[in-house]
Amino acid sequence: AHCRAVHQIVQNKGSVFSTQGSDAYNLFLTTAVTDG
């Protein structure tokens, strides 16, 4: 997934202040040192 081991994964956890389309909950972020 990255050139180095992933050190953080972030999923969409929703918001109490706004509604989101169901498709938004299929997205997630990953990050690794020096690999954005």
PDB file of all heavy atoms in Angstrom:
ATOM      1  N   ALA A   1       0.825  -1.211   0.000  1.00  0.00           N
ATOM      2  CA  ALA A   1       0.000   0.000   0.000  1.00  0.00           C
ATOM      3  C   ALA A   1       0.859   1.261   0.000  1.00  0.00           C
ATOM      4  O   ALA A   1       0.500   2.273  -0.601  1.00  0.00           O
ATOM      5  CB  ALA A   1      -0.925  -0.006   1.209  1.00  0.00           C
ATOM      6  N   HIS A   2       2.003   1.206   0.686  1.00  0.00           N
ATOM      7  CA  HIS A   2       2.970   2.306   0.710  1.00  0.00           C
ATOM      8  C   HIS A   2       4.363   1.716   0.591  1.00  0.00           C
ATOM      9  O   HIS A   2       4.548   0.493   0.684  1.00  0.00           O
ATOM     10  CB  HIS A   2       2.854   3.100   2.013  1.00  0.00           C
ATOM     11  CG  HIS A   2       1.650   3.994   2.079  1.00  0.00           C
ATOM     12  ND1 HIS A   2       1.678   5.323   1.720  1.00  0.00           N
ATOM     13  CD2 HIS A   2       0.377   3.748   2.475  1.00  0.00           C
ATOM     14  CE1 HIS A   2       0.480   5.861   1.895  1.00  0.00           C
ATOM     15  NE2 HIS A   2      -0.333   4.912   2.354  1.00  0.00           N
ATOM     16  N   CYS A   3       5.341   2.589   0.398  1.00  0.00           N
ATOM     17  CA  CYS A   3       6.726   2.108   0.298  1.00  0.00           C
ATOM     18  C   CYS A   3       7.282   1.738   1.669  1.00  0.00           C
ATOM     19  O   CYS A   3       8.322   1.075   1.759  1.00  0.00           O
ATOM     20  CB  CYS A   3       7.607   3.151  -0.382  1.00  0.00           C
ATOM     21  SG  CYS A   3       7.827   4.676   0.559  1.00  0.00           S
ATOM     22  N   ARG A   4       6.596   2.161   2.740  1.00  0.00           N
ATOM     23  CA  ARG A   4       6.943   1.773   4.101  1.00  0.00           C
ATOM     24  C   ARG A   4       5.681   1.306   4.812  1.00  0.00           C
ATOM     25  O   ARG A   4       4.578   1.465   4.311  1.00  0.00           O
ATOM     26  CB  ARG A   4       7.570   2.948   4.856  1.00  0.00           C
ATOM     27  CG  ARG A   4       8.908   3.404   4.300  1.00  0.00           C
ATOM     28  CD  ARG A   4       9.578   4.385   5.234  1.00  0.00           C
ATOM     29  NE  ARG A   4      10.868   4.825   4.728  1.00  0.00           N
ATOM     30  CZ  ARG A   4      11.723   5.562   5.417  1.00  0.00           C
ATOM     31  NH1 ARG A   4      11.425   5.943   6.656  1.00  0.00           N
ATOM     32  NH2 ARG A   4      12.885   5.922   4.900  1.00  0.00           N
ATOM     33  N   ALA A   5       5.864   0.738   5.998  1.00  0.00           N
ATOM     34  CA  ALA A   5       4.716   0.240   6.760  1.00  0.00           C
ATOM     35  C   ALA A   5       3.775   1.390   7.111  1.00  0.00           C
ATOM     36  O   ALA A   5       4.225   2.465   7.540  1.00  0.00           O
ATOM     37  CB  ALA A   5       5.190  -0.457   8.029  1.00  0.00           C
ATOM     38  N   VAL A   6       2.489   1.171   6.937  1.00  0.00           N
ATOM     39  CA  VAL A   6       1.477   2.183   7.266  1.00  0.00           C
ATOM     40  C   VAL A   6       1.446   2.391   8.778  1.00  0.00           C
ATOM     41  O   VAL A   6       1.421   1.421   9.540  1.00  0.00           O
ATOM     42  CB  VAL A   6       0.089   1.738   6.758  1.00  0.00           C
ATOM     43  CG1 VAL A   6      -0.991   2.708   7.220  1.00  0.00           C
ATOM     44  CG2 VAL A   6       0.096   1.624   5.240  1.00  0.00           C
ATOM     45  N   HIS A   7       1.466   3.643   9.220  1.00  0.00           N
ATOM     46  CA  HIS A   7       1.426   3.903  10.666  1.00  0.00           C
ATOM     47  C   HIS A   7       0.122   4.552  11.104  1.00  0.00           C
ATOM     48  O   HIS A   7      -0.096   4.742  12.292  1.00  0.00           O
ATOM     49  CB  HIS A   7       2.621   4.773  11.107  1.00  0.00           C
ATOM     50  CG  HIS A   7       2.595   6.167  10.576  1.00  0.00           C
ATOM     51  ND1 HIS A   7       3.310   6.561   9.463  1.00  0.00           N
ATOM     52  CD2 HIS A   7       1.948   7.274  11.008  1.00  0.00           C
ATOM     53  CE1 HIS A   7       3.119   7.837   9.231  1.00  0.00           C
ATOM     54  NE2 HIS A   7       2.289   8.299  10.140  1.00  0.00           N
ATOM     55  N   GLN A   8      -0.769   4.872  10.143  1.00  0.00           N
ATOM     56  CA  GLN A   8      -2.080   5.374  10.531  1.00  0.00           C
ATOM     57  C   GLN A   8      -3.101   5.117   9.433  1.00  0.00           C
ATOM     58  O   GLN A   8      -2.818   5.315   8.242  1.00  0.00           O
ATOM     59  CB  GLN A   8      -2.036   6.877  10.844  1.00  0.00           C
ATOM     60  CG  GLN A   8      -3.341   7.402  11.433  1.00  0.00           C
ATOM     61  CD  GLN A   8      -3.218   8.825  11.938  1.00  0.00           C
ATOM     62  OE1 GLN A   8      -2.277   9.540  11.600  1.00  0.00           O
ATOM     63  NE2 GLN A   8      -4.171   9.247  12.741  1.00  0.00           N
ATOM     64  N   ILE A   9      -4.285   4.671   9.863  1.00  0.00           N
ATOM     65  CA  ILE A   9      -5.432   4.485   8.972  1.00  0.00           C
ATOM     66  C   ILE A   9      -6.584   5.302   9.551  1.00  0.00           C
ATOM     67  O   ILE A   9      -6.846   5.248  10.752  1.00  0.00           O
ATOM     68  CB  ILE A   9      -5.856   3.007   8.874  1.00  0.00           C
ATOM     69  CG1 ILE A   9      -4.682   2.128   8.433  1.00  0.00           C
ATOM     70  CG2 ILE A   9      -7.025   2.838   7.907  1.00  0.00           C
ATOM     71  CD1 ILE A   9      -4.987   0.635   8.471  1.00  0.00           C
ATOM     72  N   VAL A  10      -7.277   6.041   8.689  1.00  0.00           N
ATOM     73  CA  VAL A  10      -8.390   6.879   9.151  1.00  0.00           C
ATOM     74  C   VAL A  10      -9.619   6.582   8.300  1.00  0.00           C
ATOM     75  O   VAL A  10      -9.576   6.690   7.073  1.00  0.00           O
ATOM     76  CB  VAL A  10      -8.045   8.381   9.060  1.00  0.00           C
ATOM     77  CG1 VAL A  10      -9.241   9.221   9.524  1.00  0.00           C
ATOM     78  CG2 VAL A  10      -6.820   8.704   9.902  1.00  0.00           C
ATOM     79  N   GLN A  11     -10.704   6.190   8.970  1.00  0.00           N
ATOM     80  CA  GLN A  11     -11.980   5.971   8.283  1.00  0.00           C
ATOM     81  C   GLN A  11     -12.917   7.155   8.507  1.00  0.00           C
ATOM     82  O   GLN A  11     -12.758   7.927   9.454  1.00  0.00           O
ATOM     83  CB  GLN A  11     -12.648   4.703   8.820  1.00  0.00           C
ATOM     84  CG  GLN A  11     -11.915   3.418   8.483  1.00  0.00           C
ATOM     85  CD  GLN A  11     -12.550   2.227   9.160  1.00  0.00           C
ATOM     86  OE1 GLN A  11     -12.120   1.804  10.218  1.00  0.00           O
ATOM     87  NE2 GLN A  11     -13.576   1.674   8.538  1.00  0.00           N
ATOM     88  N   ASN A  12     -13.904   7.272   7.643  1.00  0.00           N
ATOM     89  CA  ASN A  12     -14.934   8.297   7.812  1.00  0.00           C
ATOM     90  C   ASN A  12     -15.859   7.863   8.951  1.00  0.00           C
ATOM     91  O   ASN A  12     -16.547   6.851   8.850  1.00  0.00           O
ATOM     92  CB  ASN A  12     -15.723   8.464   6.513  1.00  0.00           C
ATOM     93  CG  ASN A  12     -16.702   9.621   6.578  1.00  0.00           C
ATOM     94  OD1 ASN A  12     -16.970  10.176   7.637  1.00  0.00           O
ATOM     95  ND2 ASN A  12     -17.235  10.006   5.427  1.00  0.00           N
ATOM     96  N   LYS A  13     -15.873   8.630  10.037  1.00  0.00           N
ATOM     97  CA  LYS A  13     -16.674   8.270  11.205  1.00  0.00           C
ATOM     98  C   LYS A  13     -17.947   9.096  11.322  1.00  0.00           C
ATOM     99  O   LYS A  13     -18.631   9.060  12.343  1.00  0.00           O
ATOM    100  CB  LYS A  13     -15.821   8.429  12.466  1.00  0.00           C
ATOM    101  CG  LYS A  13     -14.598   7.523  12.458  1.00  0.00           C
ATOM    102  CD  LYS A  13     -13.760   7.684  13.703  1.00  0.00           C
ATOM    103  CE  LYS A  13     -12.551   6.753  13.658  1.00  0.00           C
ATOM    104  NZ  LYS A  13     -11.697   6.869  14.864  1.00  0.00           N
ATOM    105  N   GLY A  14     -18.262   9.863  10.266  1.00  0.00           N
ATOM    106  CA  GLY A  14     -19.486  10.651  10.283  1.00  0.00           C
ATOM    107  C   GLY A  14     -19.349  11.925  11.082  1.00  0.00           C
ATOM    108  O   GLY A  14     -18.294  12.231  11.648  1.00  0.00           O
ATOM    109  N   SER A  15     -20.436  12.680  11.147  1.00  0.00           N
ATOM    110  CA  SER A  15     -20.444  13.960  11.858  1.00  0.00           C
ATOM    111  C   SER A  15     -21.832  14.225  12.428  1.00  0.00           C
ATOM    112  O   SER A  15     -22.842  13.912  11.792  1.00  0.00           O
ATOM    113  CB  SER A  15     -20.050  15.094  10.909  1.00  0.00           C
ATOM    114  OG  SER A  15     -20.255  16.359  11.515  1.00  0.00           O
ATOM    115  N   VAL A  16     -21.860  14.778  13.629  1.00  0.00           N
ATOM    116  CA  VAL A  16     -23.149  15.148  14.231  1.00  0.00           C
ATOM    117  C   VAL A  16     -23.634  16.480  13.694  1.00  0.00           C
ATOM    118  O   VAL A  16     -24.766  16.898  13.971  1.00  0.00           O
ATOM    119  CB  VAL A  16     -23.035  15.216  15.769  1.00  0.00           C
ATOM    120  CG1 VAL A  16     -22.701  13.862  16.340  1.00  0.00           C
ATOM    121  CG2 VAL A  16     -21.994  16.259  16.186  1.00  0.00           C
ATOM    122  N   PHE A  17     -22.808  17.175  12.915  1.00  0.00           N
ATOM    123  CA  PHE A  17     -23.143  18.513  12.434  1.00  0.00           C
ATOM    124  C   PHE A  17     -23.633  18.535  10.994  1.00  0.00           C
ATOM    125  O   PHE A  17     -24.208  19.518  10.545  1.00  0.00           O
ATOM    126  CB  PHE A  17     -21.918  19.430  12.557  1.00  0.00           C
ATOM    127  CG  PHE A  17     -21.365  19.515  13.953  1.00  0.00           C
ATOM    128  CD1 PHE A  17     -20.208  18.851  14.290  1.00  0.00           C
ATOM    129  CD2 PHE A  17     -22.034  20.236  14.939  1.00  0.00           C
ATOM    130  CE1 PHE A  17     -19.699  18.915  15.577  1.00  0.00           C
ATOM    131  CE2 PHE A  17     -21.533  20.302  16.226  1.00  0.00           C
ATOM    132  CZ  PHE A  17     -20.366  19.644  16.552  1.00  0.00           C
ATOM    133  N   SER A  18     -23.422  17.452  10.251  1.00  0.00           N
ATOM    134  CA  SER A  18     -23.850  17.432   8.857  1.00  0.00           C
ATOM    135  C   SER A  18     -24.107  16.000   8.407  1.00  0.00           C
ATOM    136  O   SER A  18     -23.560  15.053   8.968  1.00  0.00           O
ATOM    137  CB  SER A  18     -22.791  18.076   7.951  1.00  0.00           C
ATOM    138  OG  SER A  18     -21.592  17.325   7.995  1.00  0.00           O
ATOM    139  N   THR A  19     -24.929  15.857   7.395  1.00  0.00           N
ATOM    140  CA  THR A  19     -25.206  14.545   6.819  1.00  0.00           C
ATOM    141  C   THR A  19     -24.282  14.317   5.631  1.00  0.00           C
ATOM    142  O   THR A  19     -23.863  15.254   4.958  1.00  0.00           O
ATOM    143  CB  THR A  19     -26.667  14.447   6.353  1.00  0.00           C
ATOM    144  OG1 THR A  19     -26.927  15.494   5.401  1.00  0.00           O
ATOM    145  CG2 THR A  19     -27.616  14.598   7.522  1.00  0.00           C
ATOM    146  N   GLN A  20     -23.977  13.053   5.383  1.00  0.00           N
ATOM    147  CA  GLN A  20     -23.108  12.690   4.273  1.00  0.00           C
ATOM    148  C   GLN A  20     -23.738  11.565   3.483  1.00  0.00           C
ATOM    149  O   GLN A  20     -24.483  10.752   4.030  1.00  0.00           O
ATOM    150  CB  GLN A  20     -21.731  12.258   4.789  1.00  0.00           C
ATOM    151  CG  GLN A  20     -21.012  13.311   5.615  1.00  0.00           C
ATOM    152  CD  GLN A  20     -19.671  12.811   6.120  1.00  0.00           C
ATOM    153  OE1 GLN A  20     -18.941  12.139   5.404  1.00  0.00           O
ATOM    154  NE2 GLN A  20     -19.345  13.137   7.362  1.00  0.00           N
ATOM    155  N   GLY A  21     -23.415  11.509   2.214  1.00  0.00           N
ATOM    156  CA  GLY A  21     -23.902  10.435   1.377  1.00  0.00           C
ATOM    157  C   GLY A  21     -23.313   9.106   1.810  1.00  0.00           C
ATOM    158  O   GLY A  21     -22.202   9.053   2.353  1.00  0.00           O
ATOM    159  N   SER A  22     -24.032   8.027   1.571  1.00  0.00           N
ATOM    160  CA  SER A  22     -23.574   6.705   2.006  1.00  0.00           C
ATOM    161  C   SER A  22     -22.250   6.318   1.356  1.00  0.00           C
ATOM    162  O   SER A  22     -21.449   5.571   1.935  1.00  0.00           O
ATOM    163  CB  SER A  22     -24.640   5.656   1.711  1.00  0.00           C
ATOM    164  OG  SER A  22     -24.958   5.645   0.317  1.00  0.00           O
ATOM    165  N   ASP A  23     -22.000   6.829   0.136  1.00  0.00           N
ATOM    166  CA  ASP A  23     -20.756   6.488  -0.556  1.00  0.00           C
ATOM    167  C   ASP A  23     -19.531   6.996   0.188  1.00  0.00           C
ATOM    168  O   ASP A  23     -18.440   6.427   0.063  1.00  0.00           O
ATOM    169  CB  ASP A  23     -20.762   7.070  -1.973  1.00  0.00           C
ATOM    170  CG  ASP A  23     -21.756   6.360  -2.883  1.00  0.00           C
ATOM    171  OD1 ASP A  23     -22.255   5.296  -2.474  1.00  0.00           O
ATOM    172  OD2 ASP A  23     -22.033   6.871  -3.977  1.00  0.00           O
ATOM    173  N   ALA A  24     -19.685   8.063   0.968  1.00  0.00           N
ATOM    174  CA  ALA A  24     -18.544   8.651   1.677  1.00  0.00           C
ATOM    175  C   ALA A  24     -17.964   7.700   2.716  1.00  0.00           C
ATOM    176  O   ALA A  24     -16.778   7.794   3.048  1.00  0.00           O
ATOM    177  CB  ALA A  24     -18.964   9.957   2.354  1.00  0.00           C
ATOM    178  N   TYR A  25     -18.772   6.770   3.207  1.00  0.00           N
ATOM    179  CA  TYR A  25     -18.302   5.861   4.243  1.00  0.00           C
ATOM    180  C   TYR A  25     -17.492   4.699   3.675  1.00  0.00           C
ATOM    181  O   TYR A  25     -16.975   3.880   4.424  1.00  0.00           O
ATOM    182  CB  TYR A  25     -19.487   5.340   5.051  1.00  0.00           C
ATOM    183  CG  TYR A  25     -20.181   6.436   5.822  1.00  0.00           C
ATOM    184  CD1 TYR A  25     -21.329   7.043   5.330  1.00  0.00           C
ATOM    185  CD2 TYR A  25     -19.659   6.896   7.034  1.00  0.00           C
ATOM    186  CE1 TYR A  25     -21.948   8.073   6.027  1.00  0.00           C
ATOM    187  CE2 TYR A  25     -20.270   7.920   7.736  1.00  0.00           C
ATOM    188  CZ  TYR A  25     -21.412   8.506   7.222  1.00  0.00           C
ATOM    189  OH  TYR A  25     -22.014   9.535   7.914  1.00  0.00           O
ATOM    190  N   ASN A  26     -17.370   4.632   2.356  1.00  0.00           N
ATOM    191  CA  ASN A  26     -16.530   3.629   1.726  1.00  0.00           C
ATOM    192  C   ASN A  26     -15.087   4.105   1.559  1.00  0.00           C
ATOM    193  O   ASN A  26     -14.243   3.357   1.066  1.00  0.00           O
ATOM    194  CB  ASN A  26     -17.088   3.255   0.348  1.00  0.00           C
ATOM    195  CG  ASN A  26     -18.396   2.494   0.437  1.00  0.00           C
ATOM    196  OD1 ASN A  26     -18.498   1.512   1.151  1.00  0.00           O
ATOM    197  ND2 ASN A  26     -19.420   2.972  -0.266  1.00  0.00           N
ATOM    198  N   LEU A  27     -14.809   5.334   1.954  1.00  0.00           N
ATOM    199  CA  LEU A  27     -13.489   5.909   1.760  1.00  0.00           C
ATOM    200  C   LEU A  27     -12.669   5.853   3.046  1.00  0.00           C
ATOM    201  O   LEU A  27     -13.205   5.987   4.142  1.00  0.00           O
ATOM    202  CB  LEU A  27     -13.600   7.359   1.293  1.00  0.00           C
ATOM    203  CG  LEU A  27     -14.438   7.611   0.030  1.00  0.00           C
ATOM    204  CD1 LEU A  27     -14.506   9.106  -0.263  1.00  0.00           C
ATOM    205  CD2 LEU A  27     -13.874   6.854  -1.158  1.00  0.00           C
ATOM    206  N   PHE A  28     -11.365   5.650   2.900  1.00  0.00           N
ATOM    207  CA  PHE A  28     -10.469   5.712   4.054  1.00  0.00           C
ATOM    208  C   PHE A  28      -9.097   6.200   3.614  1.00  0.00           C
ATOM    209  O   PHE A  28      -8.734   6.124   2.433  1.00  0.00           O
ATOM    210  CB  PHE A  28     -10.367   4.351   4.761  1.00  0.00           C
ATOM    211  CG  PHE A  28      -9.688   3.269   3.976  1.00  0.00           C
ATOM    212  CD1 PHE A  28      -8.332   3.002   4.148  1.00  0.00           C
ATOM    213  CD2 PHE A  28     -10.406   2.476   3.082  1.00  0.00           C
ATOM    214  CE1 PHE A  28      -7.702   1.992   3.443  1.00  0.00           C
ATOM    215  CE2 PHE A  28      -9.782   1.463   2.371  1.00  0.00           C
ATOM    216  CZ  PHE A  28      -8.428   1.218   2.546  1.00  0.00           C
ATOM    217  N   LEU A  29      -8.327   6.713   4.574  1.00  0.00           N
ATOM    218  CA  LEU A  29      -6.998   7.263   4.316  1.00  0.00           C
ATOM    219  C   LEU A  29      -5.927   6.398   4.963  1.00  0.00           C
ATOM    220  O   LEU A  29      -6.149   5.827   6.035  1.00  0.00           O
ATOM    221  CB  LEU A  29      -6.879   8.680   4.875  1.00  0.00           C
ATOM    222  CG  LEU A  29      -7.732   9.778   4.247  1.00  0.00           C
ATOM    223  CD1 LEU A  29      -7.716  11.019   5.145  1.00  0.00           C
ATOM    224  CD2 LEU A  29      -7.212  10.140   2.870  1.00  0.00           C
ATOM    225  N   THR A  30      -4.763   6.334   4.323  1.00  0.00           N
ATOM    226  CA  THR A  30      -3.594   5.706   4.928  1.00  0.00           C
ATOM    227  C   THR A  30      -2.410   6.651   4.774  1.00  0.00           C
ATOM    228  O   THR A  30      -2.357   7.455   3.839  1.00  0.00           O
ATOM    229  CB  THR A  30      -3.247   4.360   4.259  1.00  0.00           C
ATOM    230  OG1 THR A  30      -2.959   4.578   2.869  1.00  0.00           O
ATOM    231  CG2 THR A  30      -4.379   3.370   4.406  1.00  0.00           C
ATOM    232  N   THR A  31      -1.463   6.536   5.689  1.00  0.00           N
ATOM    233  CA  THR A  31      -0.253   7.341   5.579  1.00  0.00           C
ATOM    234  C   THR A  31       0.938   6.553   6.107  1.00  0.00           C
ATOM    235  O   THR A  31       0.800   5.704   6.991  1.00  0.00           O
ATOM    236  CB  THR A  31      -0.398   8.666   6.354  1.00  0.00           C
ATOM    237  OG1 THR A  31       0.766   9.468   6.150  1.00  0.00           O
ATOM    238  CG2 THR A  31      -0.569   8.427   7.839  1.00  0.00           C
ATOM    239  N   ALA A  32       2.101   6.833   5.528  1.00  0.00           N
ATOM    240  CA  ALA A  32       3.357   6.205   5.941  1.00  0.00           C
ATOM    241  C   ALA A  32       4.464   7.252   5.868  1.00  0.00           C
ATOM    242  O   ALA A  32       4.369   8.211   5.090  1.00  0.00           O
ATOM    243  CB  ALA A  32       3.693   5.017   5.036  1.00  0.00           C
ATOM    244  N   VAL A  33       5.488   7.059   6.674  1.00  0.00           N
ATOM    245  CA  VAL A  33       6.594   8.012   6.722  1.00  0.00           C
ATOM    246  C   VAL A  33       7.216   8.166   5.338  1.00  0.00           C
ATOM    247  O   VAL A  33       7.529   7.173   4.671  1.00  0.00           O
ATOM    248  CB  VAL A  33       7.655   7.555   7.745  1.00  0.00           C
ATOM    249  CG1 VAL A  33       8.864   8.476   7.715  1.00  0.00           C
ATOM    250  CG2 VAL A  33       7.063   7.511   9.142  1.00  0.00           C
ATOM    251  N   THR A  34       7.371   9.396   4.888  1.00  0.00           N
ATOM    252  CA  THR A  34       7.974   9.808   3.603  1.00  0.00           C
ATOM    253  C   THR A  34       7.155   9.394   2.392  1.00  0.00           C
ATOM    254  O   THR A  34       7.589   9.579   1.254  1.00  0.00           O
ATOM    255  CB  THR A  34       9.410   9.249   3.423  1.00  0.00           C
ATOM    256  OG1 THR A  34       9.357   7.839   3.155  1.00  0.00           O
ATOM    257  CG2 THR A  34      10.269   9.518   4.645  1.00  0.00           C
ATOM    258  N   ASP A  35       5.946   8.850   2.599  1.00  0.00           N
ATOM    259  CA  ASP A  35       5.161   8.389   1.444  1.00  0.00           C
ATOM    260  C   ASP A  35       3.786   9.049   1.364  1.00  0.00           C
ATOM    261  O   ASP A  35       2.881   8.529   0.724  1.00  0.00           O
ATOM    262  CB  ASP A  35       5.009   6.865   1.488  1.00  0.00           C
ATOM    263  CG  ASP A  35       4.644   6.292   0.121  1.00  0.00           C
ATOM    264  OD1 ASP A  35       4.988   6.918  -0.897  1.00  0.00           O
ATOM    265  OD2 ASP A  35       3.998   5.232   0.072  1.00  0.00           O
ATOM    266  N   GLY A  36       3.615  10.182   2.040  1.00  0.00           N
ATOM    267  CA  GLY A  36       2.390  10.954   1.887  1.00  0.00           C
ATOM    268  C   GLY A  36       1.130  10.274   2.381  1.00  0.00           C
ATOM    269  O   GLY A  36       1.161   9.351   3.198  1.00  0.00           O
TER     270      GLY A  36
END
